[in-house]
């Protein structure tokens, strides 16, 4: 069975989109062998395409893991943006 999803996230700047992309790239290396993850940036938009020929539960776990990583990166960036005492 083939499953496919396109995740699109818009950010305030290209730099933020690139930061989130770099944060989730290491997670892609642990994707199942029957799953392909393509990540790109278009302007201020992060595009993530996940294609899997494996079973649906495995596909959904991969999507869930990636969404969690994106959310974690976004929260980290937001906390840095609101830090009243930035370091460095």
PDB file of N, CA and C in Angstrom:
ATOM      1  N   UNK A   1       0.840  -1.177   0.000  1.00  0.00           N
ATOM      2  CA  UNK A   1       0.000   0.000   0.000  1.00  0.00           C
ATOM      3  C   UNK A   1       0.891   1.248   0.000  1.00  0.00           C
ATOM      4  N   UNK A   2       0.572   2.196  -0.827  1.00  0.00           N
ATOM      5  CA  UNK A   2       1.339   3.443  -0.904  1.00  0.00           C
ATOM      6  C   UNK A   2       0.573   4.546  -0.172  1.00  0.00           C
ATOM      7  N   UNK A   3       1.278   5.246   0.706  1.00  0.00           N
ATOM      8  CA  UNK A   3       0.707   6.379   1.431  1.00  0.00           C
ATOM      9  C   UNK A   3       1.582   7.589   1.173  1.00  0.00           C
ATOM     10  N   UNK A   4       0.944   8.750   1.120  1.00  0.00           N
ATOM     11  CA  UNK A   4       1.685   9.972   0.820  1.00  0.00           C
ATOM     12  C   UNK A   4       1.018  11.158   1.514  1.00  0.00           C
ATOM     13  N   UNK A   5       1.852  12.075   2.010  1.00  0.00           N
ATOM     14  CA  UNK A   5       1.331  13.293   2.619  1.00  0.00           C
ATOM     15  C   UNK A   5       2.291  14.437   2.312  1.00  0.00           C
ATOM     16  N   UNK A   6       1.731  15.637   2.159  1.00  0.00           N
ATOM     17  CA  UNK A   6       2.524  16.841   1.997  1.00  0.00           C
ATOM     18  C   UNK A   6       2.194  17.757   3.163  1.00  0.00           C
ATOM     19  N   UNK A   7       3.204  18.103   3.941  1.00  0.00           N
ATOM     20  CA  UNK A   7       3.043  19.010   5.071  1.00  0.00           C
ATOM     21  C   UNK A   7       3.631  20.350   4.660  1.00  0.00           C
ATOM     22  N   UNK A   8       2.845  21.411   4.811  1.00  0.00           N
ATOM     23  CA  UNK A   8       3.299  22.760   4.479  1.00  0.00           C
ATOM     24  C   UNK A   8       3.174  23.632   5.716  1.00  0.00           C
ATOM     25  N   UNK A   9       4.268  24.317   6.068  1.00  0.00           N
ATOM     26  CA  UNK A   9       4.274  25.218   7.220  1.00  0.00           C
ATOM     27  C   UNK A   9       4.811  26.562   6.771  1.00  0.00           C
ATOM     28  N   UNK A  10       4.064  27.629   7.034  1.00  0.00           N
ATOM     29  CA  UNK A  10       4.484  28.986   6.704  1.00  0.00           C
ATOM     30  C   UNK A  10       5.098  29.650   7.934  1.00  0.00           C
ATOM     31  N   UNK A  11       6.185  30.396   7.711  1.00  0.00           N
ATOM     32  CA  UNK A  11       6.892  31.069   8.800  1.00  0.00           C
ATOM     33  C   UNK A  11       7.052  32.545   8.481  1.00  0.00           C
ATOM     34  N   UNK A  12       7.464  33.309   9.479  1.00  0.00           N
ATOM     35  CA  UNK A  12       7.641  34.749   9.309  1.00  0.00           C
ATOM     36  C   UNK A  12       8.836  35.083   8.417  1.00  0.00           C
ATOM     37  N   UNK A  13       9.801  34.173   8.358  1.00  0.00           N
ATOM     38  CA  UNK A  13      10.981  34.423   7.529  1.00  0.00           C
ATOM     39  C   UNK A  13      11.518  33.116   6.958  1.00  0.00           C
ATOM     40  N   UNK A  14      12.299  33.231   5.914  1.00  0.00           N
ATOM     41  CA  UNK A  14      12.962  32.070   5.332  1.00  0.00           C
ATOM     42  C   UNK A  14      13.952  31.478   6.340  1.00  0.00           C
ATOM     43  N   UNK A  15      14.602  32.355   7.103  1.00  0.00           N
ATOM     44  CA  UNK A  15      15.568  31.899   8.098  1.00  0.00           C
ATOM     45  C   UNK A  15      14.907  30.966   9.122  1.00  0.00           C
ATOM     46  N   UNK A  16      13.701  31.302   9.555  1.00  0.00           N
ATOM     47  CA  UNK A  16      12.979  30.436  10.502  1.00  0.00           C
ATOM     48  C   UNK A  16      12.646  29.098   9.855  1.00  0.00           C
ATOM     49  N   UNK A  17      12.192  29.133   8.610  1.00  0.00           N
ATOM     50  CA  UNK A  17      11.887  27.889   7.891  1.00  0.00           C
ATOM     51  C   UNK A  17      13.140  27.017   7.788  1.00  0.00           C
ATOM     52  N   UNK A  18      14.282  27.636   7.505  1.00  0.00           N
ATOM     53  CA  UNK A  18      15.544  26.890   7.393  1.00  0.00           C
ATOM     54  C   UNK A  18      15.965  26.312   8.748  1.00  0.00           C
ATOM     55  N   UNK A  19      15.729  27.061   9.822  1.00  0.00           N
ATOM     56  CA  UNK A  19      16.073  26.579  11.154  1.00  0.00           C
ATOM     57  C   UNK A  19      15.246  25.348  11.516  1.00  0.00           C
ATOM     58  N   UNK A  20      13.953  25.401  11.229  1.00  0.00           N
ATOM     59  CA  UNK A  20      13.092  24.245  11.505  1.00  0.00           C
ATOM     60  C   UNK A  20      13.526  23.065  10.643  1.00  0.00           C
ATOM     61  N   UNK A  21      13.844  23.323   9.386  1.00  0.00           N
ATOM     62  CA  UNK A  21      14.297  22.251   8.498  1.00  0.00           C
ATOM     63  C   UNK A  21      15.549  21.572   9.058  1.00  0.00           C
ATOM     64  N   UNK A  22      16.522  22.367   9.480  1.00  0.00           N
ATOM     65  CA  UNK A  22      17.751  21.791  10.041  1.00  0.00           C
ATOM     66  C   UNK A  22      17.465  20.995  11.316  1.00  0.00           C
ATOM     67  N   UNK A  23      16.473  21.433  12.068  1.00  0.00           N
ATOM     68  CA  UNK A  23      16.135  20.733  13.311  1.00  0.00           C
ATOM     69  C   UNK A  23      15.520  19.363  13.051  1.00  0.00           C
ATOM     70  N   UNK A  24      14.767  19.215  11.974  1.00  0.00           N
ATOM     71  CA  UNK A  24      14.097  17.931  11.718  1.00  0.00           C
ATOM     72  C   UNK A  24      14.907  17.007  10.808  1.00  0.00           C
ATOM     73  N   UNK A  25      15.937  17.503  10.161  1.00  0.00           N
ATOM     74  CA  UNK A  25      16.726  16.650   9.260  1.00  0.00           C
ATOM     75  C   UNK A  25      17.291  15.407   9.934  1.00  0.00           C
ATOM     76  N   UNK A  26      17.879  15.494  11.124  1.00  0.00           N
ATOM     77  CA  UNK A  26      18.417  14.271  11.745  1.00  0.00           C
ATOM     78  C   UNK A  26      17.354  13.197  11.987  1.00  0.00           C
ATOM     79  N   UNK A  27      16.116  13.607  12.239  1.00  0.00           N
ATOM     80  CA  UNK A  27      15.043  12.646  12.476  1.00  0.00           C
ATOM     81  C   UNK A  27      14.754  11.823  11.228  1.00  0.00           C
ATOM     82  N   UNK A  28      14.992  12.384  10.056  1.00  0.00           N
ATOM     83  CA  UNK A  28      14.711  11.680   8.801  1.00  0.00           C
ATOM     84  C   UNK A  28      15.592  10.456   8.614  1.00  0.00           C
ATOM     85  N   UNK A  29      16.764  10.479   9.188  1.00  0.00           N
ATOM     86  CA  UNK A  29      17.692   9.357   9.016  1.00  0.00           C
ATOM     87  C   UNK A  29      17.183   8.091   9.687  1.00  0.00           C
ATOM     88  N   UNK A  30      16.248   8.234  10.605  1.00  0.00           N
ATOM     89  CA  UNK A  30      15.715   7.082  11.324  1.00  0.00           C
ATOM     90  C   UNK A  30      14.376   6.620  10.751  1.00  0.00           C
ATOM     91  N   UNK A  31      13.990   7.148   9.612  1.00  0.00           N
ATOM     92  CA  UNK A  31      12.734   6.739   8.984  1.00  0.00           C
ATOM     93  C   UNK A  31      12.848   5.295   8.507  1.00  0.00           C
ATOM     94  N   UNK A  32      11.726   4.585   8.478  1.00  0.00           N
ATOM     95  CA  UNK A  32      11.753   3.200   7.987  1.00  0.00           C
ATOM     96  C   UNK A  32      12.309   3.116   6.559  1.00  0.00           C
ATOM     97  N   UNK A  33      12.879   1.984   6.234  1.00  0.00           N
ATOM     98  CA  UNK A  33      13.511   1.792   4.915  1.00  0.00           C
ATOM     99  C   UNK A  33      12.528   1.976   3.762  1.00  0.00           C
ATOM    100  N   UNK A  34      11.255   1.681   3.988  1.00  0.00           N
ATOM    101  CA  UNK A  34      10.255   1.789   2.926  1.00  0.00           C
ATOM    102  C   UNK A  34       9.606   3.182   2.876  1.00  0.00           C
ATOM    103  N   UNK A  35      10.248   4.154   3.534  1.00  0.00           N
ATOM    104  CA  UNK A  35       9.700   5.507   3.608  1.00  0.00           C
ATOM    105  C   UNK A  35      10.715   6.505   3.073  1.00  0.00           C
ATOM    106  N   UNK A  36      10.221   7.429   2.256  1.00  0.00           N
ATOM    107  CA  UNK A  36      11.058   8.484   1.709  1.00  0.00           C
ATOM    108  C   UNK A  36      10.535   9.827   2.219  1.00  0.00           C
ATOM    109  N   UNK A  37      11.438  10.666   2.721  1.00  0.00           N
ATOM    110  CA  UNK A  37      11.064  11.992   3.221  1.00  0.00           C
ATOM    111  C   UNK A  37      11.858  13.021   2.433  1.00  0.00           C
ATOM    112  N   UNK A  38      11.130  13.931   1.793  1.00  0.00           N
ATOM    113  CA  UNK A  38      11.754  15.009   1.027  1.00  0.00           C
ATOM    114  C   UNK A  38      11.411  16.331   1.702  1.00  0.00           C
ATOM    115  N   UNK A  39      12.431  17.127   2.001  1.00  0.00           N
ATOM    116  CA  UNK A  39      12.222  18.412   2.649  1.00  0.00           C
ATOM    117  C   UNK A  39      12.802  19.509   1.772  1.00  0.00           C
ATOM    118  N   UNK A  40      12.016  20.580   1.597  1.00  0.00           N
ATOM    119  CA  UNK A  40      12.491  21.721   0.828  1.00  0.00           C
ATOM    120  C   UNK A  40      11.878  22.995   1.389  1.00  0.00           C
ATOM    121  N   UNK A  41      12.385  24.111   0.883  1.00  0.00           N
ATOM    122  CA  UNK A  41      11.873  25.417   1.294  1.00  0.00           C
ATOM    123  C   UNK A  41      11.521  26.199   0.045  1.00  0.00           C
ATOM    124  N   UNK A  42      10.388  26.860   0.096  1.00  0.00           N
ATOM    125  CA  UNK A  42       9.961  27.741  -0.982  1.00  0.00           C
ATOM    126  C   UNK A  42       9.581  29.072  -0.344  1.00  0.00           C
ATOM    127  N   UNK A  43      10.442  30.056  -0.497  1.00  0.00           N
ATOM    128  CA  UNK A  43      10.203  31.339   0.163  1.00  0.00           C
ATOM    129  C   UNK A  43      10.276  31.184   1.669  1.00  0.00           C
ATOM    130  N   UNK A  44       9.168  31.457   2.344  1.00  0.00           N
ATOM    131  CA  UNK A  44       9.079  31.320   3.799  1.00  0.00           C
ATOM    132  C   UNK A  44       8.349  30.038   4.199  1.00  0.00           C
ATOM    133  N   UNK A  45       8.136  29.152   3.239  1.00  0.00           N
ATOM    134  CA  UNK A  45       7.349  27.937   3.471  1.00  0.00           C
ATOM    135  C   UNK A  45       8.241  26.701   3.512  1.00  0.00           C
ATOM    136  N   UNK A  46       8.032  25.893   4.540  1.00  0.00           N
ATOM    137  CA  UNK A  46       8.700  24.607   4.673  1.00  0.00           C
ATOM    138  C   UNK A  46       7.785  23.544   4.083  1.00  0.00           C
ATOM    139  N   UNK A  47       8.313  22.737   3.174  1.00  0.00           N
ATOM    140  CA  UNK A  47       7.547  21.676   2.517  1.00  0.00           C
ATOM    141  C   UNK A  47       8.167  20.328   2.873  1.00  0.00           C
ATOM    142  N   UNK A  48       7.346  19.439   3.368  1.00  0.00           N
ATOM    143  CA  UNK A  48       7.815  18.101   3.716  1.00  0.00           C
ATOM    144  C   UNK A  48       6.882  17.091   3.067  1.00  0.00           C
ATOM    145  N   UNK A  49       7.446  16.253   2.228  1.00  0.00           N
ATOM    146  CA  UNK A  49       6.662  15.205   1.556  1.00  0.00           C
ATOM    147  C   UNK A  49       7.131  13.852   2.082  1.00  0.00           C
ATOM    148  N   UNK A  50       6.187  13.078   2.555  1.00  0.00           N
ATOM    149  CA  UNK A  50       6.483  11.744   3.069  1.00  0.00           C
ATOM    150  C   UNK A  50       5.760  10.743   2.181  1.00  0.00           C
ATOM    151  N   UNK A  51       6.528   9.788   1.667  1.00  0.00           N
ATOM    152  CA  UNK A  51       5.985   8.741   0.801  1.00  0.00           C
ATOM    153  C   UNK A  51       6.402   7.402   1.389  1.00  0.00           C
ATOM    154  N   UNK A  52       5.437   6.509   1.535  1.00  0.00           N
ATOM    155  CA  UNK A  52       5.744   5.208   2.117  1.00  0.00           C
ATOM    156  C   UNK A  52       5.051   4.092   1.341  1.00  0.00           C
ATOM    157  N   UNK A  53       5.773   2.996   1.186  1.00  0.00           N
ATOM    158  CA  UNK A  53       5.178   1.803   0.578  1.00  0.00           C
ATOM    159  C   UNK A  53       4.906   0.755   1.656  1.00  0.00           C
ATOM    160  N   UNK A  54       5.127   1.130   2.900  1.00  0.00           N
ATOM    161  CA  UNK A  54       4.914   0.214   4.025  1.00  0.00           C
ATOM    162  C   UNK A  54       3.478   0.238   4.514  1.00  0.00           C
ATOM    163  N   UNK A  55       3.286  -0.356   5.678  1.00  0.00           N
ATOM    164  CA  UNK A  55       1.931  -0.430   6.223  1.00  0.00           C
ATOM    165  C   UNK A  55       1.500   0.929   6.786  1.00  0.00           C
ATOM    166  N   UNK A  56       0.191   1.137   6.866  1.00  0.00           N
ATOM    167  CA  UNK A  56      -0.366   2.413   7.288  1.00  0.00           C
ATOM    168  C   UNK A  56       0.018   2.795   8.724  1.00  0.00           C
ATOM    169  N   UNK A  57      -0.018   1.882   9.700  1.00  0.00           N
ATOM    170  CA  UNK A  57       0.392   2.277  11.054  1.00  0.00           C
ATOM    171  C   UNK A  57       1.822   2.806  11.116  1.00  0.00           C
ATOM    172  N   UNK A  58       2.733   2.217  10.378  1.00  0.00           N
ATOM    173  CA  UNK A  58       4.117   2.695  10.341  1.00  0.00           C
ATOM    174  C   UNK A  58       4.190   4.088   9.723  1.00  0.00           C
ATOM    175  N   UNK A  59       3.452   4.298   8.646  1.00  0.00           N
ATOM    176  CA  UNK A  59       3.391   5.598   7.992  1.00  0.00           C
ATOM    177  C   UNK A  59       2.877   6.664   8.960  1.00  0.00           C
ATOM    178  N   UNK A  60       1.806   6.358   9.664  1.00  0.00           N
ATOM    179  CA  UNK A  60       1.215   7.322  10.598  1.00  0.00           C
ATOM    180  C   UNK A  60       2.162   7.635  11.756  1.00  0.00           C
ATOM    181  N   UNK A  61       2.907   6.644  12.222  1.00  0.00           N
ATOM    182  CA  UNK A  61       3.899   6.891  13.282  1.00  0.00           C
ATOM    183  C   UNK A  61       4.995   7.829  12.788  1.00  0.00           C
ATOM    184  N   UNK A  62       5.426   7.632  11.541  1.00  0.00           N
ATOM    185  CA  UNK A  62       6.452   8.495  10.961  1.00  0.00           C
ATOM    186  C   UNK A  62       5.947   9.935  10.857  1.00  0.00           C
ATOM    187  N   UNK A  63       4.723  10.101  10.376  1.00  0.00           N
ATOM    188  CA  UNK A  63       4.125  11.439  10.267  1.00  0.00           C
ATOM    189  C   UNK A  63       4.015  12.074  11.649  1.00  0.00           C
ATOM    190  N   UNK A  64       3.526  11.309  12.618  1.00  0.00           N
ATOM    191  CA  UNK A  64       3.376  11.815  13.982  1.00  0.00           C
ATOM    192  C   UNK A  64       4.726  12.239  14.567  1.00  0.00           C
ATOM    193  N   UNK A  65       5.743  11.413  14.380  1.00  0.00           N
ATOM    194  CA  UNK A  65       7.086  11.742  14.883  1.00  0.00           C
ATOM    195  C   UNK A  65       7.608  13.033  14.261  1.00  0.00           C
ATOM    196  N   UNK A  66       7.422  13.173  12.967  1.00  0.00           N
ATOM    197  CA  UNK A  66       7.915  14.363  12.281  1.00  0.00           C
ATOM    198  C   UNK A  66       7.157  15.612  12.728  1.00  0.00           C
ATOM    199  N   UNK A  67       5.844  15.501  12.882  1.00  0.00           N
ATOM    200  CA  UNK A  67       5.063  16.640  13.365  1.00  0.00           C
ATOM    201  C   UNK A  67       5.497  17.045  14.775  1.00  0.00           C
ATOM    202  N   UNK A  68       5.799  16.058  15.610  1.00  0.00           N
ATOM    203  CA  UNK A  68       6.275  16.347  16.962  1.00  0.00           C
ATOM    204  C   UNK A  68       7.614  17.096  16.904  1.00  0.00           C
ATOM    205  N   UNK A  69       8.509  16.666  16.030  1.00  0.00           N
ATOM    206  CA  UNK A  69       9.810  17.333  15.885  1.00  0.00           C
ATOM    207  C   UNK A  69       9.641  18.766  15.390  1.00  0.00           C
ATOM    208  N   UNK A  70       8.733  18.969  14.455  1.00  0.00           N
ATOM    209  CA  UNK A  70       8.457  20.315  13.954  1.00  0.00           C
ATOM    210  C   UNK A  70       7.933  21.191  15.087  1.00  0.00           C
ATOM    211  N   UNK A  71       6.972  20.670  15.834  1.00  0.00           N
ATOM    212  CA  UNK A  71       6.390  21.424  16.944  1.00  0.00           C
ATOM    213  C   UNK A  71       7.449  21.776  17.994  1.00  0.00           C
ATOM    214  N   UNK A  72       8.317  20.831  18.302  1.00  0.00           N
ATOM    215  CA  UNK A  72       9.380  21.077  19.277  1.00  0.00           C
ATOM    216  C   UNK A  72      10.318  22.177  18.789  1.00  0.00           C
ATOM    217  N   UNK A  73      10.695  22.125  17.520  1.00  0.00           N
ATOM    218  CA  UNK A  73      11.568  23.153  16.953  1.00  0.00           C
ATOM    219  C   UNK A  73      10.888  24.521  16.981  1.00  0.00           C
ATOM    220  N   UNK A  74       9.615  24.562  16.624  1.00  0.00           N
ATOM    221  CA  UNK A  74       8.883  25.831  16.629  1.00  0.00           C
ATOM    222  C   UNK A  74       8.788  26.407  18.038  1.00  0.00           C
ATOM    223  N   UNK A  75       8.547  25.561  19.018  1.00  0.00           N
ATOM    224  CA  UNK A  75       8.476  26.040  20.403  1.00  0.00           C
ATOM    225  C   UNK A  75       9.825  26.547  20.890  1.00  0.00           C
ATOM    226  N   UNK A  76      10.904  25.874  20.514  1.00  0.00           N
ATOM    227  CA  UNK A  76      12.242  26.319  20.900  1.00  0.00           C
ATOM    228  C   UNK A  76      12.548  27.682  20.289  1.00  0.00           C
ATOM    229  N   UNK A  77      12.206  27.853  19.029  1.00  0.00           N
ATOM    230  CA  UNK A  77      12.434  29.130  18.363  1.00  0.00           C
ATOM    231  C   UNK A  77      11.609  30.227  19.024  1.00  0.00           C
ATOM    232  N   UNK A  78      10.354  29.920  19.332  1.00  0.00           N
ATOM    233  CA  UNK A  78       9.480  30.909  19.979  1.00  0.00           C
ATOM    234  C   UNK A  78      10.019  31.304  21.355  1.00  0.00           C
ATOM    235  N   UNK A  79      10.556  30.340  22.086  1.00  0.00           N
ATOM    236  CA  UNK A  79      11.078  30.666  23.417  1.00  0.00           C
ATOM    237  C   UNK A  79      12.330  31.528  23.314  1.00  0.00           C
ATOM    238  N   UNK A  80      13.141  31.314  22.290  1.00  0.00           N
ATOM    239  CA  UNK A  80      14.327  32.153  22.085  1.00  0.00           C
ATOM    240  C   UNK A  80      13.941  33.559  21.663  1.00  0.00           C
ATOM    241  N   UNK A  81      12.896  33.645  20.834  1.00  0.00           N
ATOM    242  CA  UNK A  81      12.439  34.966  20.374  1.00  0.00           C
ATOM    243  C   UNK A  81      11.883  35.799  21.512  1.00  0.00           C
ATOM    244  N   UNK A  82      11.330  35.142  22.537  1.00  0.00           N
ATOM    245  CA  UNK A  82      10.726  35.881  23.636  1.00  0.00           C
ATOM    246  C   UNK A  82      11.659  36.020  24.835  1.00  0.00           C
ATOM    247  N   UNK A  83      12.886  35.535  24.725  1.00  0.00           N
ATOM    248  CA  UNK A  83      13.859  35.610  25.823  1.00  0.00           C
ATOM    249  C   UNK A  83      14.272  37.059  26.044  1.00  0.00           C
ATOM    250  N   UNK A  84      13.980  37.631  27.228  1.00  0.00           N
ATOM    251  CA  UNK A  84      14.334  39.027  27.483  1.00  0.00           C
ATOM    252  C   UNK A  84      15.836  39.238  27.674  1.00  0.00           C
ATOM    253  N   UNK A  85      16.579  38.167  27.898  1.00  0.00           N
ATOM    254  CA  UNK A  85      18.024  38.237  28.114  1.00  0.00           C
ATOM    255  C   UNK A  85      18.768  37.312  27.146  1.00  0.00           C
ATOM    256  N   UNK A  86      18.745  37.634  25.850  1.00  0.00           N
ATOM    257  CA  UNK A  86      19.418  36.742  24.897  1.00  0.00           C
ATOM    258  C   UNK A  86      20.906  36.641  25.180  1.00  0.00           C
ATOM    259  N   UNK A  87      21.442  35.457  24.928  1.00  0.00           N
ATOM    260  CA  UNK A  87      22.868  35.212  25.142  1.00  0.00           C
ATOM    261  C   UNK A  87      23.579  35.218  23.796  1.00  0.00           C
ATOM    262  N   UNK A  88      24.735  35.864  23.746  1.00  0.00           N
ATOM    263  CA  UNK A  88      25.569  35.835  22.550  1.00  0.00           C
ATOM    264  C   UNK A  88      25.046  36.688  21.502  1.00  0.00           C
TER     265      UNK A  88
END
